[in-house]
Amino acid sequence: MQSLTGQLSPLQLELLKVYSFQPTEEDLLAIKKLLAGYFAKKLVQRVDEAVQQQEITSEKLKSWLNEKA
């Protein structure tokens, strides 16, 4: 495991510890939801900060959401 630690992030190492306890499917689903919620919250905070710093209006955000790729 020593050679892998240089390649894995601290988050990955912590998750490996969790999985070593062989959590149930229910526990895995709960962990996935927690992680998704955490990263979604961080994303919303960063977007809010960018909107404030760049003085982006809600109309501009709506127009971006409605743009077709």
PDB file of N, CA and C in Angstrom:
ATOM      1  N   MET A   1       0.823  -1.189   0.000  1.00  0.00           N
ATOM      2  CA  MET A   1       0.000   0.000   0.000  1.00  0.00           C
ATOM      3  C   MET A   1       0.869   1.256   0.000  1.00  0.00           C
ATOM      4  N   GLN A   2       2.037   1.174   0.513  1.00  0.00           N
ATOM      5  CA  GLN A   2       2.930   2.324   0.604  1.00  0.00           C
ATOM      6  C   GLN A   2       3.163   2.970  -0.762  1.00  0.00           C
ATOM      7  N   SER A   3       3.355   2.174  -1.807  1.00  0.00           N
ATOM      8  CA  SER A   3       3.625   2.756  -3.122  1.00  0.00           C
ATOM      9  C   SER A   3       2.390   3.434  -3.698  1.00  0.00           C
ATOM     10  N   LEU A   4       1.202   3.045  -3.268  1.00  0.00           N
ATOM     11  CA  LEU A   4      -0.017   3.653  -3.773  1.00  0.00           C
ATOM     12  C   LEU A   4      -0.321   4.987  -3.110  1.00  0.00           C
ATOM     13  N   THR A   5       0.137   5.192  -1.890  1.00  0.00           N
ATOM     14  CA  THR A   5      -0.226   6.406  -1.169  1.00  0.00           C
ATOM     15  C   THR A   5       0.247   7.663  -1.868  1.00  0.00           C
ATOM     16  N   GLY A   6       1.320   7.605  -2.606  1.00  0.00           N
ATOM     17  CA  GLY A   6       1.776   8.763  -3.350  1.00  0.00           C
ATOM     18  C   GLY A   6       0.878   9.080  -4.522  1.00  0.00           C
ATOM     19  N   GLN A   7       0.079   8.118  -4.965  1.00  0.00           N
ATOM     20  CA  GLN A   7      -0.790   8.299  -6.116  1.00  0.00           C
ATOM     21  C   GLN A   7      -2.237   8.601  -5.732  1.00  0.00           C
ATOM     22  N   LEU A   8      -2.603   8.324  -4.497  1.00  0.00           N
ATOM     23  CA  LEU A   8      -3.978   8.530  -4.063  1.00  0.00           C
ATOM     24  C   LEU A   8      -4.103   9.803  -3.240  1.00  0.00           C
ATOM     25  N   SER A   9      -5.231  10.461  -3.408  1.00  0.00           N
ATOM     26  CA  SER A   9      -5.481  11.680  -2.625  1.00  0.00           C
ATOM     27  C   SER A   9      -5.887  11.290  -1.210  1.00  0.00           C
ATOM     28  N   PRO A  10      -5.820  12.244  -0.291  1.00  0.00           N
ATOM     29  CA  PRO A  10      -6.278  11.952   1.075  1.00  0.00           C
ATOM     30  C   PRO A  10      -7.733  11.480   1.114  1.00  0.00           C
ATOM     31  N   LEU A  11      -8.582  12.042   0.265  1.00  0.00           N
ATOM     32  CA  LEU A  11      -9.980  11.614   0.213  1.00  0.00           C
ATOM     33  C   LEU A  11     -10.079  10.155  -0.215  1.00  0.00           C
ATOM     34  N   GLN A  12      -9.329   9.786  -1.230  1.00  0.00           N
ATOM     35  CA  GLN A  12      -9.352   8.399  -1.696  1.00  0.00           C
ATOM     36  C   GLN A  12      -8.885   7.446  -0.601  1.00  0.00           C
ATOM     37  N   LEU A  13      -7.867   7.830   0.125  1.00  0.00           N
ATOM     38  CA  LEU A  13      -7.374   6.982   1.204  1.00  0.00           C
ATOM     39  C   LEU A  13      -8.425   6.807   2.297  1.00  0.00           C
ATOM     40  N   GLU A  14      -9.124   7.887   2.642  1.00  0.00           N
ATOM     41  CA  GLU A  14     -10.179   7.794   3.656  1.00  0.00           C
ATOM     42  C   GLU A  14     -11.311   6.899   3.176  1.00  0.00           C
ATOM     43  N   LEU A  15     -11.675   7.017   1.905  1.00  0.00           N
ATOM     44  CA  LEU A  15     -12.740   6.169   1.375  1.00  0.00           C
ATOM     45  C   LEU A  15     -12.331   4.701   1.361  1.00  0.00           C
ATOM     46  N   LEU A  16     -11.076   4.436   1.093  1.00  0.00           N
ATOM     47  CA  LEU A  16     -10.602   3.045   1.154  1.00  0.00           C
ATOM     48  C   LEU A  16     -10.753   2.480   2.560  1.00  0.00           C
ATOM     49  N   LYS A  17     -10.516   3.314   3.554  1.00  0.00           N
ATOM     50  CA  LYS A  17     -10.699   2.864   4.937  1.00  0.00           C
ATOM     51  C   LYS A  17     -12.162   2.510   5.195  1.00  0.00           C
ATOM     52  N   VAL A  18     -13.067   3.334   4.690  1.00  0.00           N
ATOM     53  CA  VAL A  18     -14.501   3.069   4.862  1.00  0.00           C
ATOM     54  C   VAL A  18     -14.871   1.749   4.205  1.00  0.00           C
ATOM     55  N   TYR A  19     -14.405   1.555   2.983  1.00  0.00           N
ATOM     56  CA  TYR A  19     -14.768   0.340   2.246  1.00  0.00           C
ATOM     57  C   TYR A  19     -14.134  -0.908   2.843  1.00  0.00           C
ATOM     58  N   SER A  20     -13.072  -0.768   3.598  1.00  0.00           N
ATOM     59  CA  SER A  20     -12.438  -1.933   4.205  1.00  0.00           C
ATOM     60  C   SER A  20     -13.332  -2.564   5.268  1.00  0.00           C
ATOM     61  N   PHE A  21     -14.325  -1.809   5.771  1.00  0.00           N
ATOM     62  CA  PHE A  21     -15.260  -2.347   6.760  1.00  0.00           C
ATOM     63  C   PHE A  21     -16.430  -3.072   6.111  1.00  0.00           C
ATOM     64  N   GLN A  22     -16.439  -3.148   4.808  1.00  0.00           N
ATOM     65  CA  GLN A  22     -17.491  -3.806   4.028  1.00  0.00           C
ATOM     66  C   GLN A  22     -18.881  -3.290   4.403  1.00  0.00           C
ATOM     67  N   PRO A  23     -19.128  -2.020   4.107  1.00  0.00           N
ATOM     68  CA  PRO A  23     -20.435  -1.440   4.434  1.00  0.00           C
ATOM     69  C   PRO A  23     -21.552  -2.100   3.611  1.00  0.00           C
ATOM     70  N   THR A  24     -22.762  -2.019   4.128  1.00  0.00           N
ATOM     71  CA  THR A  24     -23.914  -2.569   3.414  1.00  0.00           C
ATOM     72  C   THR A  24     -24.239  -1.673   2.220  1.00  0.00           C
ATOM     73  N   GLU A  25     -25.093  -2.174   1.339  1.00  0.00           N
ATOM     74  CA  GLU A  25     -25.528  -1.372   0.197  1.00  0.00           C
ATOM     75  C   GLU A  25     -26.234  -0.101   0.675  1.00  0.00           C
ATOM     76  N   GLU A  26     -26.981  -0.230   1.756  1.00  0.00           N
ATOM     77  CA  GLU A  26     -27.671   0.924   2.332  1.00  0.00           C
ATOM     78  C   GLU A  26     -26.667   1.973   2.814  1.00  0.00           C
ATOM     79  N   ASP A  27     -25.595   1.518   3.461  1.00  0.00           N
ATOM     80  CA  ASP A  27     -24.555   2.438   3.917  1.00  0.00           C
ATOM     81  C   ASP A  27     -23.857   3.102   2.731  1.00  0.00           C
ATOM     82  N   LEU A  28     -23.578   2.334   1.696  1.00  0.00           N
ATOM     83  CA  LEU A  28     -22.919   2.903   0.514  1.00  0.00           C
ATOM     84  C   LEU A  28     -23.781   3.976  -0.132  1.00  0.00           C
ATOM     85  N   LEU A  29     -25.072   3.706  -0.225  1.00  0.00           N
ATOM     86  CA  LEU A  29     -25.977   4.696  -0.802  1.00  0.00           C
ATOM     87  C   LEU A  29     -26.002   5.965   0.044  1.00  0.00           C
ATOM     88  N   ALA A  30     -26.028   5.806   1.363  1.00  0.00           N
ATOM     89  CA  ALA A  30     -26.015   6.967   2.257  1.00  0.00           C
ATOM     90  C   ALA A  30     -24.721   7.764   2.105  1.00  0.00           C
ATOM     91  N   ILE A  31     -23.596   7.077   1.978  1.00  0.00           N
ATOM     92  CA  ILE A  31     -22.302   7.746   1.803  1.00  0.00           C
ATOM     93  C   ILE A  31     -22.281   8.503   0.481  1.00  0.00           C
ATOM     94  N   LYS A  32     -22.792   7.884  -0.574  1.00  0.00           N
ATOM     95  CA  LYS A  32     -22.841   8.551  -1.878  1.00  0.00           C
ATOM     96  C   LYS A  32     -23.694   9.810  -1.810  1.00  0.00           C
ATOM     97  N   LYS A  33     -24.834   9.724  -1.111  1.00  0.00           N
ATOM     98  CA  LYS A  33     -25.703  10.897  -0.982  1.00  0.00           C
ATOM     99  C   LYS A  33     -25.023  12.004  -0.189  1.00  0.00           C
ATOM    100  N   LEU A  34     -24.317  11.625   0.878  1.00  0.00           N
ATOM    101  CA  LEU A  34     -23.587  12.616   1.664  1.00  0.00           C
ATOM    102  C   LEU A  34     -22.530  13.322   0.826  1.00  0.00           C
ATOM    103  N   LEU A  35     -21.766  12.549   0.073  1.00  0.00           N
ATOM    104  CA  LEU A  35     -20.719  13.138  -0.763  1.00  0.00           C
ATOM    105  C   LEU A  35     -21.315  14.025  -1.854  1.00  0.00           C
ATOM    106  N   ALA A  36     -22.384  13.547  -2.490  1.00  0.00           N
ATOM    107  CA  ALA A  36     -23.029  14.340  -3.540  1.00  0.00           C
ATOM    108  C   ALA A  36     -23.559  15.645  -2.971  1.00  0.00           C
ATOM    109  N   GLY A  37     -24.191  15.573  -1.818  1.00  0.00           N
ATOM    110  CA  GLY A  37     -24.718  16.784  -1.184  1.00  0.00           C
ATOM    111  C   GLY A  37     -23.622  17.762  -0.812  1.00  0.00           C
ATOM    112  N   TYR A  38     -22.532  17.237  -0.283  1.00  0.00           N
ATOM    113  CA  TYR A  38     -21.400  18.082   0.107  1.00  0.00           C
ATOM    114  C   TYR A  38     -20.824  18.822  -1.106  1.00  0.00           C
ATOM    115  N   PHE A  39     -20.566  18.077  -2.189  1.00  0.00           N
ATOM    116  CA  PHE A  39     -19.964  18.710  -3.365  1.00  0.00           C
ATOM    117  C   PHE A  39     -20.958  19.611  -4.088  1.00  0.00           C
ATOM    118  N   ALA A  40     -22.241  19.293  -4.052  1.00  0.00           N
ATOM    119  CA  ALA A  40     -23.251  20.168  -4.645  1.00  0.00           C
ATOM    120  C   ALA A  40     -23.297  21.497  -3.893  1.00  0.00           C
ATOM    121  N   LYS A  41     -23.238  21.424  -2.568  1.00  0.00           N
ATOM    122  CA  LYS A  41     -23.248  22.644  -1.750  1.00  0.00           C
ATOM    123  C   LYS A  41     -22.027  23.510  -2.048  1.00  0.00           C
ATOM    124  N   LYS A  42     -20.859  22.871  -2.174  1.00  0.00           N
ATOM    125  CA  LYS A  42     -19.644  23.624  -2.502  1.00  0.00           C
ATOM    126  C   LYS A  42     -19.771  24.296  -3.867  1.00  0.00           C
ATOM    127  N   LEU A  43     -20.338  23.590  -4.829  1.00  0.00           N
ATOM    128  CA  LEU A  43     -20.506  24.149  -6.169  1.00  0.00           C
ATOM    129  C   LEU A  43     -21.426  25.366  -6.134  1.00  0.00           C
ATOM    130  N   VAL A  44     -22.535  25.246  -5.434  1.00  0.00           N
ATOM    131  CA  VAL A  44     -23.479  26.364  -5.329  1.00  0.00           C
ATOM    132  C   VAL A  44     -22.801  27.567  -4.668  1.00  0.00           C
ATOM    133  N   GLN A  45     -22.015  27.323  -3.621  1.00  0.00           N
ATOM    134  CA  GLN A  45     -21.304  28.422  -2.960  1.00  0.00           C
ATOM    135  C   GLN A  45     -20.333  29.102  -3.911  1.00  0.00           C
ATOM    136  N   ARG A  46     -19.616  28.310  -4.695  1.00  0.00           N
ATOM    137  CA  ARG A  46     -18.649  28.904  -5.629  1.00  0.00           C
ATOM    138  C   ARG A  46     -19.343  29.683  -6.741  1.00  0.00           C
ATOM    139  N   VAL A  47     -20.453  29.161  -7.222  1.00  0.00           N
ATOM    140  CA  VAL A  47     -21.211  29.882  -8.253  1.00  0.00           C
ATOM    141  C   VAL A  47     -21.737  31.187  -7.675  1.00  0.00           C
ATOM    142  N   ASP A  48     -22.280  31.131  -6.456  1.00  0.00           N
ATOM    143  CA  ASP A  48     -22.768  32.357  -5.806  1.00  0.00           C
ATOM    144  C   ASP A  48     -21.653  33.390  -5.673  1.00  0.00           C
ATOM    145  N   GLU A  49     -20.467  32.945  -5.273  1.00  0.00           N
ATOM    146  CA  GLU A  49     -19.330  33.865  -5.134  1.00  0.00           C
ATOM    147  C   GLU A  49     -18.955  34.469  -6.486  1.00  0.00           C
ATOM    148  N   ALA A  50     -18.921  33.632  -7.518  1.00  0.00           N
ATOM    149  CA  ALA A  50     -18.569  34.122  -8.856  1.00  0.00           C
ATOM    150  C   ALA A  50     -19.611  35.108  -9.360  1.00  0.00           C
ATOM    151  N   VAL A  51     -20.876  34.818  -9.112  1.00  0.00           N
ATOM    152  CA  VAL A  51     -21.957  35.713  -9.532  1.00  0.00           C
ATOM    153  C   VAL A  51     -21.791  37.076  -8.868  1.00  0.00           C
ATOM    154  N   GLN A  52     -21.485  37.082  -7.588  1.00  0.00           N
ATOM    155  CA  GLN A  52     -21.312  38.350  -6.875  1.00  0.00           C
ATOM    156  C   GLN A  52     -20.074  39.100  -7.354  1.00  0.00           C
ATOM    157  N   GLN A  53     -18.971  38.373  -7.537  1.00  0.00           N
ATOM    158  CA  GLN A  53     -17.724  39.025  -7.946  1.00  0.00           C
ATOM    159  C   GLN A  53     -17.812  39.576  -9.356  1.00  0.00           C
ATOM    160  N   GLN A  54     -18.474  38.847 -10.228  1.00  0.00           N
ATOM    161  CA  GLN A  54     -18.560  39.257 -11.633  1.00  0.00           C
ATOM    162  C   GLN A  54     -19.818  40.085 -11.924  1.00  0.00           C
ATOM    163  N   GLU A  55     -20.618  40.298 -10.890  1.00  0.00           N
ATOM    164  CA  GLU A  55     -21.864  41.051 -11.028  1.00  0.00           C
ATOM    165  C   GLU A  55     -22.747  40.483 -12.139  1.00  0.00           C
ATOM    166  N   ILE A  56     -22.930  39.179 -12.108  1.00  0.00           N
ATOM    167  CA  ILE A  56     -23.758  38.489 -13.091  1.00  0.00           C
ATOM    168  C   ILE A  56     -25.203  38.540 -12.614  1.00  0.00           C
ATOM    169  N   THR A  57     -26.087  38.928 -13.507  1.00  0.00           N
ATOM    170  CA  THR A  57     -27.499  39.044 -13.143  1.00  0.00           C
ATOM    171  C   THR A  57     -28.198  37.691 -13.233  1.00  0.00           C
ATOM    172  N   SER A  58     -29.336  37.586 -12.558  1.00  0.00           N
ATOM    173  CA  SER A  58     -30.109  36.345 -12.637  1.00  0.00           C
ATOM    174  C   SER A  58     -30.620  36.117 -14.059  1.00  0.00           C
ATOM    175  N   GLU A  59     -30.883  37.199 -14.793  1.00  0.00           N
ATOM    176  CA  GLU A  59     -31.323  37.070 -16.185  1.00  0.00           C
ATOM    177  C   GLU A  59     -30.222  36.441 -17.041  1.00  0.00           C
ATOM    178  N   LYS A  60     -28.989  36.854 -16.790  1.00  0.00           N
ATOM    179  CA  LYS A  60     -27.857  36.294 -17.545  1.00  0.00           C
ATOM    180  C   LYS A  60     -27.702  34.811 -17.221  1.00  0.00           C
ATOM    181  N   LEU A  61     -27.822  34.441 -15.950  1.00  0.00           N
ATOM    182  CA  LEU A  61     -27.733  33.025 -15.565  1.00  0.00           C
ATOM    183  C   LEU A  61     -28.830  32.215 -16.245  1.00  0.00           C
ATOM    184  N   LYS A  62     -30.046  32.749 -16.268  1.00  0.00           N
ATOM    185  CA  LYS A  62     -31.153  32.043 -16.929  1.00  0.00           C
ATOM    186  C   LYS A  62     -30.887  31.876 -18.412  1.00  0.00           C
ATOM    187  N   SER A  63     -30.336  32.883 -19.051  1.00  0.00           N
ATOM    188  CA  SER A  63     -30.065  32.776 -20.484  1.00  0.00           C
ATOM    189  C   SER A  63     -28.996  31.726 -20.755  1.00  0.00           C
ATOM    190  N   TRP A  64     -27.998  31.626 -19.866  1.00  0.00           N
ATOM    191  CA  TRP A  64     -26.972  30.590 -20.018  1.00  0.00           C
ATOM    192  C   TRP A  64     -27.569  29.199 -19.870  1.00  0.00           C
ATOM    193  N   LEU A  65     -28.485  29.067 -18.912  1.00  0.00           N
ATOM    194  CA  LEU A  65     -29.122  27.761 -18.703  1.00  0.00           C
ATOM    195  C   LEU A  65     -29.970  27.348 -19.896  1.00  0.00           C
ATOM    196  N   ASN A  66     -30.506  28.309 -20.599  1.00  0.00           N
ATOM    197  CA  ASN A  66     -31.375  27.999 -21.741  1.00  0.00           C
ATOM    198  C   ASN A  66     -30.628  27.866 -23.059  1.00  0.00           C
ATOM    199  N   GLU A  67     -29.331  28.155 -23.068  1.00  0.00           N
ATOM    200  CA  GLU A  67     -28.534  28.016 -24.296  1.00  0.00           C
ATOM    201  C   GLU A  67     -28.428  26.549 -24.682  1.00  0.00           C
ATOM    202  N   LYS A  68     -28.466  26.301 -25.962  1.00  0.00           N
ATOM    203  CA  LYS A  68     -28.302  24.933 -26.453  1.00  0.00           C
ATOM    204  C   LYS A  68     -26.859  24.739 -26.873  1.00  0.00           C
ATOM    205  N   ALA A  69     -26.330  23.579 -26.506  1.00  0.00           N
ATOM    206  CA  ALA A  69     -24.921  23.291 -26.816  1.00  0.00           C
ATOM    207  C   ALA A  69     -24.727  22.995 -28.283  1.00  0.00           C
TER     208      ALA A  69
END
